[in-house]
Amino acid sequence: MGQTVVQEGETPDFVGCVLSGLLRMQKTLADGRHHIVGLLVEGDIFGRVFGGATEFAIEVATDAEFCAFPRGEFEELLMRSPDLDRAVMLNTLNELDRARDWMIILSNQKITGRIAGFLLLMVTRFSTIDHIVKARDGGIEIRIPIGRQDLAHLLGTRPESISRALHALQDDSAIRIIEPNLIGVLDLSALAREAGEDEVDGIRSVRELLKVARLDR
């Protein structure tokens, strides 16, 4: 973990597709600090098709595997294959959706609200990724796939604040801390309220969410 796949400002000669695990997108700020601006998960494509420098570094966040295709050959295939072109377009739209989600999460002034929004994002956007979200005993368990330091960078705070926020949500009976990075969702509505939403995509209960996310099988 921690290996750099693409350097910030580099123009890679390949296009990558994540097979398993997570990669993080990291931006260097003007004052030299590093800030994680997003995560790449299974099925995500990275590397600028048809040229251009990458505006952030891509690093390994967990044990991960990815395929790398020579960019020139990938671009030629893209021009000849409508199905591949559609897949790349859908990947781009998914990235835009997640970027909007991150913006909403980070706009919350309370750290508990950011954590609540992050947990909801794990369930609604990452539910099909292996080992992150699981149904257990009629409820949902979320395994946070990155360490506290990375999570703190992602949410614009400190690791100590992440711990306090998680315990505050547990005290409010919204979640249960099973392990430091394993969280049980007890009250979906309470999480949504803390995140500043009335509900999650029209879903009001954990049971409904299990069905929508197809975790009840």
N, C-alpha and C. Protein backbone atom coordinates (compact mmCIF):
# COMPACT_ATOMS: atom_id res chain seq x y z
N MET A 1 0.84 -1.20 0.00
CA MET A 1 0.00 0.00 0.00
C MET A 1 0.87 1.25 0.00
N GLY A 2 0.33 2.32 -0.54
CA GLY A 2 1.05 3.57 -0.57
C GLY A 2 1.86 3.78 -1.84
N GLN A 3 1.97 2.73 -2.70
CA GLN A 3 2.74 2.90 -3.93
C GLN A 3 2.03 3.88 -4.86
N THR A 4 2.82 4.66 -5.57
CA THR A 4 2.27 5.61 -6.53
C THR A 4 2.10 4.94 -7.88
N VAL A 5 0.89 5.01 -8.43
CA VAL A 5 0.59 4.44 -9.73
C VAL A 5 0.80 5.48 -10.83
N VAL A 6 0.33 6.70 -10.58
CA VAL A 6 0.51 7.82 -11.51
C VAL A 6 0.93 9.04 -10.70
N GLN A 7 1.98 9.71 -11.11
CA GLN A 7 2.43 10.91 -10.43
C GLN A 7 1.53 12.10 -10.80
N GLU A 8 1.35 13.01 -9.86
CA GLU A 8 0.61 14.24 -10.14
C GLU A 8 1.32 15.02 -11.24
N GLY A 9 0.57 15.45 -12.26
CA GLY A 9 1.14 16.20 -13.37
C GLY A 9 1.71 15.32 -14.48
N GLU A 10 1.75 14.01 -14.26
CA GLU A 10 2.28 13.08 -15.25
C GLU A 10 1.26 12.82 -16.35
N THR A 11 1.74 12.55 -17.55
CA THR A 11 0.88 12.12 -18.65
C THR A 11 1.15 10.64 -18.87
N PRO A 12 0.37 9.76 -18.26
CA PRO A 12 0.66 8.33 -18.34
C PRO A 12 0.43 7.79 -19.75
N ASP A 13 1.19 6.75 -20.10
CA ASP A 13 1.05 6.13 -21.42
C ASP A 13 0.13 4.93 -21.38
N PHE A 14 -0.68 4.84 -20.32
CA PHE A 14 -1.61 3.73 -20.20
C PHE A 14 -2.94 4.20 -19.63
N VAL A 15 -3.96 3.39 -19.83
CA VAL A 15 -5.26 3.58 -19.20
C VAL A 15 -5.48 2.39 -18.28
N GLY A 16 -5.87 2.65 -17.03
CA GLY A 16 -6.01 1.59 -16.05
C GLY A 16 -7.46 1.29 -15.70
N CYS A 17 -7.71 0.08 -15.25
CA CYS A 17 -9.04 -0.31 -14.76
C CYS A 17 -8.83 -1.09 -13.46
N VAL A 18 -9.48 -0.65 -12.39
CA VAL A 18 -9.33 -1.28 -11.09
C VAL A 18 -10.06 -2.62 -11.07
N LEU A 19 -9.35 -3.67 -10.70
CA LEU A 19 -9.94 -5.01 -10.61
C LEU A 19 -10.39 -5.33 -9.18
N SER A 20 -9.62 -4.89 -8.21
CA SER A 20 -9.98 -5.14 -6.81
C SER A 20 -9.26 -4.12 -5.94
N GLY A 21 -9.77 -3.94 -4.73
CA GLY A 21 -9.16 -2.99 -3.82
C GLY A 21 -9.51 -1.56 -4.17
N LEU A 22 -8.80 -0.62 -3.55
CA LEU A 22 -9.07 0.80 -3.75
C LEU A 22 -7.77 1.55 -4.05
N LEU A 23 -7.89 2.53 -4.91
CA LEU A 23 -6.84 3.50 -5.16
C LEU A 23 -7.33 4.85 -4.68
N ARG A 24 -6.42 5.72 -4.25
CA ARG A 24 -6.82 7.05 -3.82
C ARG A 24 -6.25 8.09 -4.79
N MET A 25 -7.04 9.15 -4.99
CA MET A 25 -6.61 10.27 -5.81
C MET A 25 -6.18 11.38 -4.86
N GLN A 26 -4.93 11.81 -4.97
CA GLN A 26 -4.36 12.74 -4.00
C GLN A 26 -3.81 13.98 -4.69
N LYS A 27 -4.17 15.14 -4.16
CA LYS A 27 -3.78 16.43 -4.72
C LYS A 27 -2.84 17.14 -3.76
N THR A 28 -1.78 17.73 -4.31
CA THR A 28 -0.86 18.52 -3.49
C THR A 28 -1.34 19.97 -3.48
N LEU A 29 -1.58 20.51 -2.28
CA LEU A 29 -2.06 21.88 -2.14
C LEU A 29 -0.90 22.86 -2.24
N ALA A 30 -1.25 24.14 -2.36
CA ALA A 30 -0.24 25.19 -2.55
C ALA A 30 0.75 25.25 -1.38
N ASP A 31 0.30 24.91 -0.17
CA ASP A 31 1.18 24.97 1.00
C ASP A 31 1.96 23.67 1.23
N GLY A 32 1.87 22.76 0.26
CA GLY A 32 2.63 21.52 0.35
C GLY A 32 1.88 20.36 0.99
N ARG A 33 0.72 20.63 1.58
CA ARG A 33 -0.06 19.54 2.19
C ARG A 33 -0.70 18.69 1.10
N HIS A 34 -0.95 17.43 1.46
CA HIS A 34 -1.60 16.51 0.54
C HIS A 34 -3.05 16.30 0.97
N HIS A 35 -3.95 16.25 -0.02
CA HIS A 35 -5.37 16.08 0.29
C HIS A 35 -5.96 15.02 -0.64
N ILE A 36 -6.61 14.02 -0.07
CA ILE A 36 -7.27 12.99 -0.87
C ILE A 36 -8.58 13.54 -1.41
N VAL A 37 -8.73 13.50 -2.72
CA VAL A 37 -9.91 14.10 -3.36
C VAL A 37 -10.92 13.05 -3.83
N GLY A 38 -10.60 11.78 -3.67
CA GLY A 38 -11.56 10.76 -4.08
C GLY A 38 -10.94 9.37 -4.04
N LEU A 39 -11.79 8.37 -4.25
CA LEU A 39 -11.36 6.97 -4.26
C LEU A 39 -11.75 6.32 -5.57
N LEU A 40 -10.92 5.42 -6.03
CA LEU A 40 -11.23 4.60 -7.21
C LEU A 40 -11.47 3.18 -6.73
N VAL A 41 -12.57 2.57 -7.18
CA VAL A 41 -12.96 1.24 -6.73
C VAL A 41 -13.08 0.32 -7.93
N GLU A 42 -13.44 -0.93 -7.64
CA GLU A 42 -13.56 -1.94 -8.70
C GLU A 42 -14.40 -1.44 -9.87
N GLY A 43 -13.85 -1.61 -11.07
CA GLY A 43 -14.57 -1.20 -12.27
C GLY A 43 -14.26 0.21 -12.73
N ASP A 44 -13.64 1.03 -11.87
CA ASP A 44 -13.32 2.40 -12.25
C ASP A 44 -12.15 2.42 -13.23
N ILE A 45 -12.22 3.33 -14.18
CA ILE A 45 -11.18 3.53 -15.18
C ILE A 45 -10.43 4.81 -14.84
N PHE A 46 -9.11 4.78 -14.96
CA PHE A 46 -8.33 5.98 -14.69
C PHE A 46 -7.27 6.16 -15.77
N GLY A 47 -6.78 7.38 -15.88
CA GLY A 47 -5.85 7.73 -16.95
C GLY A 47 -6.60 8.53 -18.00
N ARG A 48 -6.06 9.64 -18.43
CA ARG A 48 -6.76 10.52 -19.36
C ARG A 48 -6.69 9.97 -20.78
N VAL A 49 -7.86 9.56 -21.28
CA VAL A 49 -7.94 9.09 -22.66
C VAL A 49 -7.73 10.28 -23.58
N PHE A 50 -6.98 10.06 -24.69
CA PHE A 50 -6.67 11.10 -25.68
C PHE A 50 -5.79 12.21 -25.09
N GLY A 51 -4.94 11.85 -24.12
CA GLY A 51 -3.89 12.75 -23.69
C GLY A 51 -4.25 13.68 -22.57
N GLY A 52 -3.25 14.42 -22.12
CA GLY A 52 -3.44 15.38 -21.04
C GLY A 52 -2.82 14.89 -19.75
N ALA A 53 -2.28 15.81 -18.99
CA ALA A 53 -1.65 15.46 -17.71
C ALA A 53 -2.69 15.18 -16.64
N THR A 54 -2.36 14.29 -15.73
CA THR A 54 -3.24 13.98 -14.60
C THR A 54 -3.06 15.04 -13.53
N GLU A 55 -4.16 15.60 -13.03
CA GLU A 55 -4.09 16.71 -12.09
C GLU A 55 -3.92 16.27 -10.65
N PHE A 56 -3.89 14.96 -10.43
CA PHE A 56 -3.69 14.45 -9.07
C PHE A 56 -2.92 13.14 -9.17
N ALA A 57 -2.27 12.78 -8.09
CA ALA A 57 -1.57 11.50 -8.03
C ALA A 57 -2.57 10.38 -7.75
N ILE A 58 -2.27 9.22 -8.28
CA ILE A 58 -3.08 8.03 -7.99
C ILE A 58 -2.19 7.05 -7.24
N GLU A 59 -2.63 6.69 -6.02
CA GLU A 59 -1.84 5.83 -5.15
C GLU A 59 -2.67 4.66 -4.67
N VAL A 60 -1.99 3.60 -4.27
CA VAL A 60 -2.67 2.41 -3.75
C VAL A 60 -3.09 2.68 -2.31
N ALA A 61 -4.40 2.52 -2.03
CA ALA A 61 -4.94 2.77 -0.69
C ALA A 61 -5.09 1.48 0.11
N THR A 62 -5.38 0.37 -0.57
CA THR A 62 -5.51 -0.94 0.06
C THR A 62 -4.81 -1.95 -0.87
N ASP A 63 -4.76 -3.20 -0.45
CA ASP A 63 -4.29 -4.23 -1.39
C ASP A 63 -5.16 -4.14 -2.63
N ALA A 64 -4.55 -3.99 -3.79
CA ALA A 64 -5.33 -3.72 -5.00
C ALA A 64 -4.68 -4.36 -6.22
N GLU A 65 -5.52 -4.61 -7.23
CA GLU A 65 -5.05 -5.06 -8.53
C GLU A 65 -5.72 -4.20 -9.60
N PHE A 66 -4.98 -3.91 -10.66
CA PHE A 66 -5.58 -3.19 -11.78
C PHE A 66 -4.94 -3.64 -13.09
N CYS A 67 -5.68 -3.48 -14.17
CA CYS A 67 -5.17 -3.75 -15.51
C CYS A 67 -4.69 -2.45 -16.12
N ALA A 68 -3.60 -2.50 -16.87
CA ALA A 68 -3.09 -1.33 -17.56
C ALA A 68 -3.05 -1.62 -19.06
N PHE A 69 -3.74 -0.78 -19.84
CA PHE A 69 -3.79 -0.94 -21.28
C PHE A 69 -2.98 0.18 -21.94
N PRO A 70 -2.13 -0.13 -22.93
CA PRO A 70 -1.42 0.94 -23.64
C PRO A 70 -2.41 1.97 -24.17
N ARG A 71 -2.16 3.24 -23.88
CA ARG A 71 -3.16 4.26 -24.16
C ARG A 71 -3.49 4.35 -25.65
N GLY A 72 -2.48 4.29 -26.50
CA GLY A 72 -2.73 4.39 -27.94
C GLY A 72 -3.64 3.29 -28.44
N GLU A 73 -3.37 2.06 -28.03
CA GLU A 73 -4.19 0.93 -28.46
C GLU A 73 -5.59 1.03 -27.87
N PHE A 74 -5.67 1.49 -26.63
CA PHE A 74 -6.99 1.65 -26.00
C PHE A 74 -7.82 2.69 -26.75
N GLU A 75 -7.19 3.79 -27.15
CA GLU A 75 -7.90 4.85 -27.87
C GLU A 75 -8.38 4.36 -29.24
N GLU A 76 -7.55 3.57 -29.92
CA GLU A 76 -7.96 3.00 -31.21
C GLU A 76 -9.16 2.08 -31.04
N LEU A 77 -9.10 1.23 -30.02
CA LEU A 77 -10.22 0.31 -29.75
C LEU A 77 -11.47 1.09 -29.38
N LEU A 78 -11.30 2.17 -28.64
CA LEU A 78 -12.43 3.00 -28.23
C LEU A 78 -13.15 3.58 -29.44
N MET A 79 -12.40 3.97 -30.45
CA MET A 79 -12.99 4.54 -31.66
C MET A 79 -13.78 3.51 -32.45
N ARG A 80 -13.42 2.23 -32.29
CA ARG A 80 -14.07 1.17 -33.08
C ARG A 80 -15.17 0.44 -32.32
N SER A 81 -15.25 0.65 -31.01
CA SER A 81 -16.17 -0.14 -30.19
C SER A 81 -17.18 0.74 -29.47
N PRO A 82 -18.44 0.77 -29.94
CA PRO A 82 -19.47 1.55 -29.24
C PRO A 82 -19.69 1.09 -27.81
N ASP A 83 -19.55 -0.22 -27.54
CA ASP A 83 -19.76 -0.72 -26.18
C ASP A 83 -18.69 -0.19 -25.23
N LEU A 84 -17.45 -0.18 -25.69
CA LEU A 84 -16.37 0.35 -24.85
C LEU A 84 -16.53 1.85 -24.65
N ASP A 85 -16.92 2.54 -25.71
CA ASP A 85 -17.15 3.98 -25.61
C ASP A 85 -18.24 4.28 -24.57
N ARG A 86 -19.29 3.47 -24.59
CA ARG A 86 -20.39 3.65 -23.62
C ARG A 86 -19.88 3.37 -22.20
N ALA A 87 -19.06 2.33 -22.04
CA ALA A 87 -18.54 2.00 -20.71
C ALA A 87 -17.68 3.13 -20.16
N VAL A 88 -16.85 3.74 -21.00
CA VAL A 88 -16.01 4.85 -20.55
C VAL A 88 -16.87 6.04 -20.18
N MET A 89 -17.91 6.30 -20.99
CA MET A 89 -18.81 7.41 -20.69
C MET A 89 -19.53 7.20 -19.36
N LEU A 90 -20.03 5.98 -19.13
CA LEU A 90 -20.71 5.68 -17.87
C LEU A 90 -19.75 5.83 -16.69
N ASN A 91 -18.51 5.41 -16.86
CA ASN A 91 -17.52 5.57 -15.81
C ASN A 91 -17.30 7.04 -15.48
N THR A 92 -17.25 7.87 -16.51
CA THR A 92 -17.08 9.31 -16.30
C THR A 92 -18.27 9.90 -15.56
N LEU A 93 -19.48 9.48 -15.93
CA LEU A 93 -20.67 9.98 -15.24
C LEU A 93 -20.70 9.52 -13.78
N ASN A 94 -20.27 8.29 -13.53
CA ASN A 94 -20.20 7.81 -12.15
C ASN A 94 -19.22 8.63 -11.32
N GLU A 95 -18.07 8.99 -11.94
CA GLU A 95 -17.10 9.83 -11.24
C GLU A 95 -17.69 11.19 -10.91
N LEU A 96 -18.45 11.76 -11.84
CA LEU A 96 -19.09 13.05 -11.59
C LEU A 96 -20.10 12.95 -10.46
N ASP A 97 -20.88 11.88 -10.44
CA ASP A 97 -21.85 11.68 -9.36
C ASP A 97 -21.14 11.59 -8.01
N ARG A 98 -20.05 10.84 -7.95
CA ARG A 98 -19.32 10.70 -6.69
C ARG A 98 -18.68 12.02 -6.28
N ALA A 99 -18.18 12.77 -7.28
CA ALA A 99 -17.59 14.08 -6.95
C ALA A 99 -18.63 15.00 -6.34
N ARG A 100 -19.85 14.98 -6.84
CA ARG A 100 -20.93 15.79 -6.25
C ARG A 100 -21.22 15.32 -4.83
N ASP A 101 -21.22 14.01 -4.65
CA ASP A 101 -21.45 13.46 -3.30
C ASP A 101 -20.38 13.95 -2.33
N TRP A 102 -19.11 13.91 -2.75
CA TRP A 102 -18.03 14.37 -1.88
C TRP A 102 -18.21 15.83 -1.53
N MET A 103 -18.62 16.65 -2.52
CA MET A 103 -18.80 18.08 -2.27
C MET A 103 -19.87 18.33 -1.22
N ILE A 104 -20.96 17.56 -1.31
CA ILE A 104 -22.05 17.71 -0.34
C ILE A 104 -21.58 17.30 1.05
N ILE A 105 -20.84 16.18 1.11
CA ILE A 105 -20.33 15.71 2.40
C ILE A 105 -19.41 16.74 3.04
N LEU A 106 -18.48 17.29 2.26
CA LEU A 106 -17.50 18.22 2.80
C LEU A 106 -18.10 19.57 3.14
N SER A 107 -19.28 19.87 2.58
CA SER A 107 -19.92 21.15 2.89
C SER A 107 -20.53 21.17 4.29
N ASN A 108 -20.67 19.97 4.91
CA ASN A 108 -21.24 19.89 6.25
C ASN A 108 -20.21 20.40 7.26
N GLN A 109 -20.57 21.37 8.06
CA GLN A 109 -19.62 21.97 9.01
C GLN A 109 -19.31 21.05 10.18
N LYS A 110 -20.21 20.10 10.48
CA LYS A 110 -19.99 19.19 11.61
C LYS A 110 -19.27 17.93 11.14
N ILE A 111 -18.26 17.50 11.90
CA ILE A 111 -17.53 16.29 11.54
C ILE A 111 -18.45 15.07 11.61
N THR A 112 -19.37 15.06 12.59
CA THR A 112 -20.31 13.92 12.66
C THR A 112 -21.16 13.87 11.40
N GLY A 113 -21.51 15.02 10.85
CA GLY A 113 -22.28 15.06 9.61
C GLY A 113 -21.48 14.52 8.44
N ARG A 114 -20.19 14.84 8.41
CA ARG A 114 -19.34 14.33 7.33
C ARG A 114 -19.19 12.82 7.42
N ILE A 115 -18.99 12.33 8.66
CA ILE A 115 -18.87 10.88 8.84
C ILE A 115 -20.17 10.19 8.44
N ALA A 116 -21.30 10.74 8.86
CA ALA A 116 -22.60 10.16 8.51
C ALA A 116 -22.76 10.13 7.00
N GLY A 117 -22.41 11.23 6.33
CA GLY A 117 -22.51 11.28 4.88
C GLY A 117 -21.59 10.27 4.21
N PHE A 118 -20.39 10.10 4.76
CA PHE A 118 -19.45 9.11 4.22
C PHE A 118 -20.00 7.70 4.35
N LEU A 119 -20.56 7.36 5.51
CA LEU A 119 -21.12 6.03 5.70
C LEU A 119 -22.30 5.78 4.76
N LEU A 120 -23.13 6.79 4.56
CA LEU A 120 -24.24 6.66 3.62
C LEU A 120 -23.72 6.46 2.20
N LEU A 121 -22.64 7.16 1.86
CA LEU A 121 -22.05 7.01 0.53
C LEU A 121 -21.52 5.59 0.34
N MET A 122 -20.92 5.03 1.38
CA MET A 122 -20.42 3.65 1.29
C MET A 122 -21.57 2.69 0.95
N VAL A 123 -22.72 2.92 1.59
CA VAL A 123 -23.85 2.01 1.40
C VAL A 123 -24.52 2.22 0.04
N THR A 124 -24.70 3.47 -0.37
CA THR A 124 -25.47 3.73 -1.59
C THR A 124 -24.64 3.64 -2.86
N ARG A 125 -23.36 4.01 -2.80
CA ARG A 125 -22.53 4.02 -4.00
C ARG A 125 -21.56 2.85 -4.08
N PHE A 126 -21.21 2.26 -2.92
CA PHE A 126 -20.17 1.24 -2.89
C PHE A 126 -20.73 -0.12 -2.47
N SER A 127 -22.05 -0.27 -2.48
CA SER A 127 -22.65 -1.49 -1.94
C SER A 127 -22.31 -2.73 -2.76
N THR A 128 -21.96 -2.56 -4.03
CA THR A 128 -21.64 -3.72 -4.87
C THR A 128 -20.17 -4.11 -4.79
N ILE A 129 -19.37 -3.33 -4.07
CA ILE A 129 -17.94 -3.63 -3.97
C ILE A 129 -17.74 -4.67 -2.87
N ASP A 130 -17.02 -5.72 -3.21
CA ASP A 130 -16.82 -6.82 -2.26
C ASP A 130 -16.18 -6.34 -0.96
N HIS A 131 -16.70 -6.87 0.13
CA HIS A 131 -16.11 -6.71 1.46
C HIS A 131 -16.30 -5.34 2.10
N ILE A 132 -16.96 -4.39 1.43
CA ILE A 132 -17.17 -3.08 2.04
C ILE A 132 -18.50 -3.04 2.79
N VAL A 133 -19.57 -3.49 2.15
CA VAL A 133 -20.90 -3.47 2.77
C VAL A 133 -21.46 -4.88 2.77
N LYS A 134 -21.92 -5.33 3.93
CA LYS A 134 -22.48 -6.67 4.05
C LYS A 134 -23.74 -6.64 4.90
N ALA A 135 -24.68 -7.52 4.57
CA ALA A 135 -25.87 -7.71 5.40
C ALA A 135 -25.53 -8.74 6.47
N ARG A 136 -25.91 -8.44 7.71
CA ARG A 136 -25.66 -9.38 8.79
C ARG A 136 -26.72 -9.22 9.87
N ASP A 137 -27.43 -10.32 10.17
CA ASP A 137 -28.45 -10.33 11.22
C ASP A 137 -29.52 -9.25 10.99
N GLY A 138 -29.93 -9.10 9.74
CA GLY A 138 -30.99 -8.14 9.43
C GLY A 138 -30.54 -6.70 9.39
N GLY A 139 -29.24 -6.47 9.51
CA GLY A 139 -28.72 -5.10 9.47
C GLY A 139 -27.60 -4.98 8.45
N ILE A 140 -26.91 -3.84 8.50
CA ILE A 140 -25.84 -3.57 7.56
C ILE A 140 -24.56 -3.31 8.31
N GLU A 141 -23.48 -3.91 7.84
CA GLU A 141 -22.16 -3.63 8.37
C GLU A 141 -21.31 -3.02 7.27
N ILE A 142 -20.59 -1.96 7.61
CA ILE A 142 -19.74 -1.25 6.67
C ILE A 142 -18.30 -1.39 7.14
N ARG A 143 -17.46 -1.94 6.28
CA ARG A 143 -16.03 -1.98 6.58
C ARG A 143 -15.37 -0.78 5.90
N ILE A 144 -14.94 0.18 6.68
CA ILE A 144 -14.29 1.37 6.12
C ILE A 144 -12.99 0.92 5.47
N PRO A 145 -12.84 1.13 4.16
CA PRO A 145 -11.75 0.49 3.42
C PRO A 145 -10.41 1.21 3.50
N ILE A 146 -10.34 2.35 4.19
CA ILE A 146 -9.09 3.08 4.30
C ILE A 146 -8.81 3.38 5.77
N GLY A 147 -7.57 3.68 6.09
CA GLY A 147 -7.18 3.95 7.46
C GLY A 147 -7.68 5.30 7.94
N ARG A 148 -7.54 5.52 9.26
CA ARG A 148 -8.05 6.76 9.86
C ARG A 148 -7.36 8.00 9.29
N GLN A 149 -6.05 7.89 9.04
CA GLN A 149 -5.32 9.05 8.51
C GLN A 149 -5.86 9.43 7.13
N ASP A 150 -6.03 8.42 6.26
CA ASP A 150 -6.58 8.69 4.92
C ASP A 150 -8.01 9.21 5.01
N LEU A 151 -8.81 8.63 5.90
CA LEU A 151 -10.18 9.08 6.05
C LEU A 151 -10.23 10.52 6.54
N ALA A 152 -9.33 10.86 7.46
CA ALA A 152 -9.27 12.23 7.95
C ALA A 152 -8.90 13.20 6.83
N HIS A 153 -7.92 12.81 5.99
CA HIS A 153 -7.56 13.65 4.85
C HIS A 153 -8.75 13.82 3.91
N LEU A 154 -9.45 12.72 3.66
CA LEU A 154 -10.59 12.75 2.74
C LEU A 154 -11.70 13.67 3.23
N LEU A 155 -11.92 13.68 4.55
CA LEU A 155 -13.02 14.46 5.12
C LEU A 155 -12.57 15.81 5.67
N GLY A 156 -11.31 16.14 5.47
CA GLY A 156 -10.84 17.46 5.87
C GLY A 156 -10.78 17.67 7.37
N THR A 157 -10.28 16.67 8.11
CA THR A 157 -10.20 16.81 9.57
C THR A 157 -9.01 16.01 10.08
N ARG A 158 -9.01 15.69 11.38
CA ARG A 158 -7.92 14.94 11.99
C ARG A 158 -8.42 13.56 12.44
N PRO A 159 -7.51 12.58 12.54
CA PRO A 159 -7.92 11.24 12.98
C PRO A 159 -8.63 11.25 14.33
N GLU A 160 -8.19 12.12 15.25
CA GLU A 160 -8.83 12.16 16.57
C GLU A 160 -10.29 12.62 16.46
N SER A 161 -10.54 13.54 15.53
CA SER A 161 -11.91 14.03 15.32
C SER A 161 -12.79 12.95 14.71
N ILE A 162 -12.20 12.10 13.84
CA ILE A 162 -12.95 10.98 13.27
C ILE A 162 -13.40 10.04 14.39
N SER A 163 -12.50 9.72 15.31
CA SER A 163 -12.84 8.82 16.42
C SER A 163 -13.94 9.42 17.29
N ARG A 164 -13.83 10.69 17.62
CA ARG A 164 -14.85 11.33 18.45
C ARG A 164 -16.20 11.35 17.75
N ALA A 165 -16.19 11.61 16.44
CA ALA A 165 -17.45 11.66 15.69
C ALA A 165 -18.13 10.29 15.64
N LEU A 166 -17.34 9.25 15.43
CA LEU A 166 -17.91 7.90 15.40
C LEU A 166 -18.52 7.53 16.75
N HIS A 167 -17.84 7.88 17.84
CA HIS A 167 -18.39 7.58 19.16
C HIS A 167 -19.63 8.42 19.46
N ALA A 168 -19.67 9.65 18.94
CA ALA A 168 -20.87 10.48 19.12
C ALA A 168 -22.06 9.86 18.39
N LEU A 169 -21.84 9.33 17.18
CA LEU A 169 -22.92 8.67 16.45
C LEU A 169 -23.35 7.39 17.15
N GLN A 170 -22.40 6.70 17.78
CA GLN A 170 -22.75 5.50 18.54
C GLN A 170 -23.56 5.89 19.78
N ASP A 171 -23.19 6.97 20.46
CA ASP A 171 -23.93 7.42 21.63
C ASP A 171 -25.37 7.80 21.27
N ASP A 172 -25.56 8.25 20.02
CA ASP A 172 -26.91 8.62 19.55
C ASP A 172 -27.66 7.42 18.98
N SER A 173 -27.06 6.22 19.10
CA SER A 173 -27.67 4.97 18.63
C SER A 173 -27.89 4.93 17.13
N ALA A 174 -27.11 5.70 16.38
CA ALA A 174 -27.21 5.65 14.92
C ALA A 174 -26.35 4.52 14.36
N ILE A 175 -25.23 4.25 15.02
CA ILE A 175 -24.33 3.20 14.57
C ILE A 175 -23.83 2.40 15.77
N ARG A 176 -23.13 1.30 15.48
CA ARG A 176 -22.43 0.53 16.51
C ARG A 176 -21.01 0.29 16.01
N ILE A 177 -20.03 0.64 16.81
CA ILE A 177 -18.63 0.42 16.44
C ILE A 177 -18.27 -1.00 16.83
N ILE A 178 -18.13 -1.86 15.84
CA ILE A 178 -17.81 -3.27 16.08
C ILE A 178 -16.31 -3.43 16.21
N GLU A 179 -15.59 -2.84 15.28
CA GLU A 179 -14.14 -2.74 15.30
C GLU A 179 -13.82 -1.32 14.85
N PRO A 180 -12.58 -0.86 15.00
CA PRO A 180 -12.29 0.51 14.60
C PRO A 180 -12.72 0.85 13.17
N ASN A 181 -12.61 -0.11 12.26
CA ASN A 181 -12.99 0.15 10.87
C ASN A 181 -14.20 -0.69 10.43
N LEU A 182 -14.94 -1.24 11.38
CA LEU A 182 -16.14 -2.01 11.06
C LEU A 182 -17.32 -1.40 11.81
N ILE A 183 -18.29 -0.89 11.06
CA ILE A 183 -19.39 -0.13 11.64
C ILE A 183 -20.72 -0.80 11.30
N GLY A 184 -21.56 -0.98 12.31
CA GLY A 184 -22.91 -1.47 12.08
C GLY A 184 -23.89 -0.30 12.03
N VAL A 185 -24.75 -0.29 11.03
CA VAL A 185 -25.76 0.77 10.91
C VAL A 185 -27.00 0.35 11.69
N LEU A 186 -27.38 1.16 12.69
CA LEU A 186 -28.54 0.86 13.52
C LEU A 186 -29.76 1.68 13.12
N ASP A 187 -29.55 2.93 12.74
CA ASP A 187 -30.66 3.84 12.44
C ASP A 187 -30.30 4.66 11.21
N LEU A 188 -30.82 4.22 10.06
CA LEU A 188 -30.51 4.90 8.80
C LEU A 188 -31.05 6.33 8.80
N SER A 189 -32.24 6.53 9.34
CA SER A 189 -32.84 7.87 9.36
C SER A 189 -31.99 8.83 10.19
N ALA A 190 -31.45 8.34 11.32
CA ALA A 190 -30.61 9.19 12.16
C ALA A 190 -29.33 9.59 11.42
N LEU A 191 -28.75 8.64 10.67
CA LEU A 191 -27.57 8.96 9.86
C LEU A 191 -27.90 10.01 8.82
N ALA A 192 -29.04 9.84 8.15
CA ALA A 192 -29.44 10.79 7.11
C ALA A 192 -29.65 12.18 7.70
N ARG A 193 -30.30 12.26 8.86
CA ARG A 193 -30.52 13.56 9.48
C ARG A 193 -29.20 14.22 9.86
N GLU A 194 -28.28 13.42 10.39
CA GLU A 194 -26.98 13.97 10.77
C GLU A 194 -26.22 14.47 9.54
N ALA A 195 -26.44 13.80 8.41
CA ALA A 195 -25.78 14.21 7.17
C ALA A 195 -26.49 15.38 6.50
N GLY A 196 -27.63 15.79 7.06
CA GLY A 196 -28.37 16.91 6.51
C GLY A 196 -29.38 16.54 5.45
N GLU A 197 -29.81 15.26 5.45
CA GLU A 197 -30.80 14.80 4.49
C GLU A 197 -32.00 14.23 5.24
N ASP A 198 -33.18 14.35 4.61
CA ASP A 198 -34.39 13.81 5.23
C ASP A 198 -34.40 12.29 5.12
N GLU A 199 -33.87 11.77 4.01
CA GLU A 199 -33.84 10.34 3.79
C GLU A 199 -32.78 10.06 2.74
N VAL A 200 -32.55 8.81 2.43
CA VAL A 200 -31.53 8.42 1.47
C VAL A 200 -32.20 7.88 0.21
N ASP A 201 -32.26 8.70 -0.82
CA ASP A 201 -32.86 8.29 -2.09
C ASP A 201 -34.23 7.67 -1.89
N GLY A 202 -35.03 8.25 -1.00
CA GLY A 202 -36.37 7.74 -0.76
C GLY A 202 -36.43 6.54 0.15
N ILE A 203 -35.28 6.11 0.68
CA ILE A 203 -35.20 4.94 1.55
C ILE A 203 -35.23 5.39 3.00
N ARG A 204 -36.14 4.83 3.78
CA ARG A 204 -36.32 5.29 5.15
C ARG A 204 -35.81 4.32 6.21
N SER A 205 -35.56 3.08 5.85
CA SER A 205 -35.17 2.11 6.86
C SER A 205 -34.04 1.23 6.35
N VAL A 206 -33.35 0.58 7.29
CA VAL A 206 -32.29 -0.35 6.93
C VAL A 206 -32.86 -1.49 6.11
N ARG A 207 -34.07 -1.95 6.45
CA ARG A 207 -34.67 -3.07 5.70
C ARG A 207 -34.89 -2.70 4.25
N GLU A 208 -35.41 -1.49 3.99
CA GLU A 208 -35.59 -1.04 2.61
C GLU A 208 -34.25 -0.95 1.89
N LEU A 209 -33.25 -0.46 2.60
CA LEU A 209 -31.93 -0.31 2.00
C LEU A 209 -31.34 -1.67 1.64
N LEU A 210 -31.55 -2.66 2.47
CA LEU A 210 -31.07 -4.01 2.18
C LEU A 210 -31.63 -4.51 0.85
N LYS A 211 -32.92 -4.23 0.61
CA LYS A 211 -33.55 -4.68 -0.62
C LYS A 211 -33.05 -3.91 -1.83
N VAL A 212 -32.97 -2.58 -1.69
CA VAL A 212 -32.54 -1.75 -2.81
C VAL A 212 -31.09 -2.05 -3.20
N ALA A 213 -30.24 -2.22 -2.20
CA ALA A 213 -28.83 -2.50 -2.46
C ALA A 213 -28.59 -3.97 -2.77
N ARG A 214 -29.67 -4.81 -2.73
CA ARG A 214 -29.59 -6.21 -3.02
C ARG A 214 -28.62 -6.94 -2.07
N LEU A 215 -28.66 -6.50 -0.82
CA LEU A 215 -27.82 -7.12 0.19
C LEU A 215 -28.58 -8.16 1.00
N ASP A 216 -29.87 -8.34 0.69
CA ASP A 216 -30.68 -9.26 1.48
C ASP A 216 -30.71 -10.65 0.88
N ARG A 217 -29.85 -10.93 -0.07
CA ARG A 217 -29.86 -12.24 -0.70
C ARG A 217 -28.98 -13.22 0.06
